[in-house]
Amino acid sequence: MCTLTHFAMTADDRIKSPLILSATDFNDHCPRFQVVPAGNAFFHIKETSTGRVRGFREDHNEACALARSLESKIELLANGCLR
């Protein structure tokens, strides 16, 4: 059910609203890796920014785990924890 409450705010209030993500916030929440089917029971882990395949697995759950692992390694490198 839509209550149309977002129309009750002025445009300036919507810009200042904390619910609206800035470009940097959006990039922080956007996944860096995507699991895509690449055949019969075969999955590629693609980097979303370049489209390059960074890994592959035969099991979907393992492919998702690899994507999460790659994501966490990038975050740790960005924070300077891994060198």
C-alpha atoms as a PDB file:
ATOM      1  CA  MET A   1       0.000   0.000   0.000  1.00  0.00           C
ATOM      2  CA  CYS A   2       1.455   3.332  -1.045  1.00  0.00           C
ATOM      3  CA  THR A   3       0.771   6.242   1.293  1.00  0.00           C
ATOM      4  CA  LEU A   4       2.531   8.831  -0.918  1.00  0.00           C
ATOM      5  CA  THR A   5       4.326  10.247   2.122  1.00  0.00           C
ATOM      6  CA  HIS A   6       7.463  10.888   0.063  1.00  0.00           C
ATOM      7  CA  PHE A   7       5.542  13.621  -1.771  1.00  0.00           C
ATOM      8  CA  ALA A   8       4.877  15.425   1.511  1.00  0.00           C
ATOM      9  CA  MET A   9       8.496  16.633   1.678  1.00  0.00           C
ATOM     10  CA  THR A  10       9.948  19.478  -0.344  1.00  0.00           C
ATOM     11  CA  ALA A  11      12.704  18.738  -2.836  1.00  0.00           C
ATOM     12  CA  ASP A  12      15.309  20.266  -0.499  1.00  0.00           C
ATOM     13  CA  ASP A  13      14.158  18.048   2.374  1.00  0.00           C
ATOM     14  CA  ARG A  14      14.420  14.955   0.174  1.00  0.00           C
ATOM     15  CA  ILE A  15      17.991  15.878  -0.796  1.00  0.00           C
ATOM     16  CA  LYS A  16      18.969  16.254   2.877  1.00  0.00           C
ATOM     17  CA  SER A  17      17.138  13.103   3.922  1.00  0.00           C
ATOM     18  CA  PRO A  18      19.399  10.392   5.423  1.00  0.00           C
ATOM     19  CA  LEU A  19      17.438   7.725   3.536  1.00  0.00           C
ATOM     20  CA  ILE A  20      18.863   8.888   0.222  1.00  0.00           C
ATOM     21  CA  LEU A  21      22.313   7.432  -0.461  1.00  0.00           C
ATOM     22  CA  SER A  22      25.111   9.555  -1.850  1.00  0.00           C
ATOM     23  CA  ALA A  23      27.245   8.170  -4.666  1.00  0.00           C
ATOM     24  CA  THR A  24      29.961   7.010  -2.254  1.00  0.00           C
ATOM     25  CA  ASP A  25      27.403   5.361   0.035  1.00  0.00           C
ATOM     26  CA  PHE A  26      25.880   3.596  -2.961  1.00  0.00           C
ATOM     27  CA  ASN A  27      29.276   2.287  -4.058  1.00  0.00           C
ATOM     28  CA  ASP A  28      29.938   1.015  -0.530  1.00  0.00           C
ATOM     29  CA  HIS A  29      26.714  -1.037  -0.582  1.00  0.00           C
ATOM     30  CA  CYS A  30      26.951  -2.226  -4.153  1.00  0.00           C
ATOM     31  CA  PRO A  31      28.423  -5.745  -4.528  1.00  0.00           C
ATOM     32  CA  ARG A  32      31.829  -5.942  -6.163  1.00  0.00           C
ATOM     33  CA  PHE A  33      31.366  -9.545  -7.280  1.00  0.00           C
ATOM     34  CA  GLN A  34      28.424 -11.283  -8.903  1.00  0.00           C
ATOM     35  CA  VAL A  35      27.732 -15.006  -9.178  1.00  0.00           C
ATOM     36  CA  VAL A  36      26.427 -15.846 -12.645  1.00  0.00           C
ATOM     37  CA  PRO A  37      25.477 -19.211 -14.173  1.00  0.00           C
ATOM     38  CA  ALA A  38      27.987 -20.331 -16.785  1.00  0.00           C
ATOM     39  CA  GLY A  39      26.619 -23.686 -17.849  1.00  0.00           C
ATOM     40  CA  ASN A  40      25.021 -26.761 -16.378  1.00  0.00           C
ATOM     41  CA  ALA A  41      25.794 -26.638 -12.612  1.00  0.00           C
ATOM     42  CA  PHE A  42      28.706 -24.232 -13.145  1.00  0.00           C
ATOM     43  CA  PHE A  43      29.046 -20.649 -11.875  1.00  0.00           C
ATOM     44  CA  HIS A  44      31.431 -17.789 -12.577  1.00  0.00           C
ATOM     45  CA  ILE A  45      32.288 -15.110 -10.031  1.00  0.00           C
ATOM     46  CA  LYS A  46      32.476 -11.892 -12.058  1.00  0.00           C
ATOM     47  CA  GLU A  47      33.845  -8.561 -10.912  1.00  0.00           C
ATOM     48  CA  THR A  48      31.016  -6.083 -11.474  1.00  0.00           C
ATOM     49  CA  SER A  49      33.247  -3.100 -12.289  1.00  0.00           C
ATOM     50  CA  THR A  50      35.249  -4.804 -15.057  1.00  0.00           C
ATOM     51  CA  GLY A  51      33.198  -7.873 -15.995  1.00  0.00           C
ATOM     52  CA  ARG A  52      36.269 -10.089 -15.563  1.00  0.00           C
ATOM     53  CA  VAL A  53      35.808 -13.591 -14.208  1.00  0.00           C
ATOM     54  CA  ARG A  54      37.690 -13.899 -10.915  1.00  0.00           C
ATOM     55  CA  GLY A  55      36.813 -17.497 -10.094  1.00  0.00           C
ATOM     56  CA  PHE A  56      34.451 -20.377 -10.705  1.00  0.00           C
ATOM     57  CA  ARG A  57      32.768 -23.155  -8.785  1.00  0.00           C
ATOM     58  CA  GLU A  58      30.464 -26.089  -9.552  1.00  0.00           C
ATOM     59  CA  ASP A  59      28.273 -25.457  -6.496  1.00  0.00           C
ATOM     60  CA  HIS A  60      26.236 -22.249  -6.150  1.00  0.00           C
ATOM     61  CA  ASN A  61      26.778 -22.028  -2.393  1.00  0.00           C
ATOM     62  CA  GLU A  62      30.532 -22.390  -2.834  1.00  0.00           C
ATOM     63  CA  ALA A  63      30.479 -19.721  -5.558  1.00  0.00           C
ATOM     64  CA  CYS A  64      28.664 -17.334  -3.221  1.00  0.00           C
ATOM     65  CA  ALA A  65      31.164 -18.105  -0.454  1.00  0.00           C
ATOM     66  CA  LEU A  66      34.051 -17.338  -2.821  1.00  0.00           C
ATOM     67  CA  ALA A  67      32.413 -14.049  -3.837  1.00  0.00           C
ATOM     68  CA  ARG A  68      32.046 -13.080  -0.157  1.00  0.00           C
ATOM     69  CA  SER A  69      35.654 -14.064   0.492  1.00  0.00           C
ATOM     70  CA  LEU A  70      36.942 -11.943  -2.386  1.00  0.00           C
ATOM     71  CA  GLU A  71      34.780  -9.048  -1.187  1.00  0.00           C
ATOM     72  CA  SER A  72      36.175  -9.245   2.349  1.00  0.00           C
ATOM     73  CA  LYS A  73      39.775  -9.394   1.070  1.00  0.00           C
ATOM     74  CA  ILE A  74      39.216  -6.197  -0.919  1.00  0.00           C
ATOM     75  CA  GLU A  75      37.737  -4.480   2.141  1.00  0.00           C
ATOM     76  CA  LEU A  76      40.670  -5.587   4.296  1.00  0.00           C
ATOM     77  CA  LEU A  77      43.162  -4.330   1.690  1.00  0.00           C
ATOM     78  CA  ALA A  78      41.337  -0.992   1.499  1.00  0.00           C
ATOM     79  CA  ASN A  79      41.487  -0.615   5.279  1.00  0.00           C
ATOM     80  CA  GLY A  80      45.194  -1.478   5.341  1.00  0.00           C
ATOM     81  CA  CYS A  81      44.718  -4.674   7.364  1.00  0.00           C
ATOM     82  CA  LEU A  82      46.313  -6.908   4.698  1.00  0.00           C
ATOM     83  CA  ARG A  83      49.687  -5.975   3.259  1.00  0.00           C
END
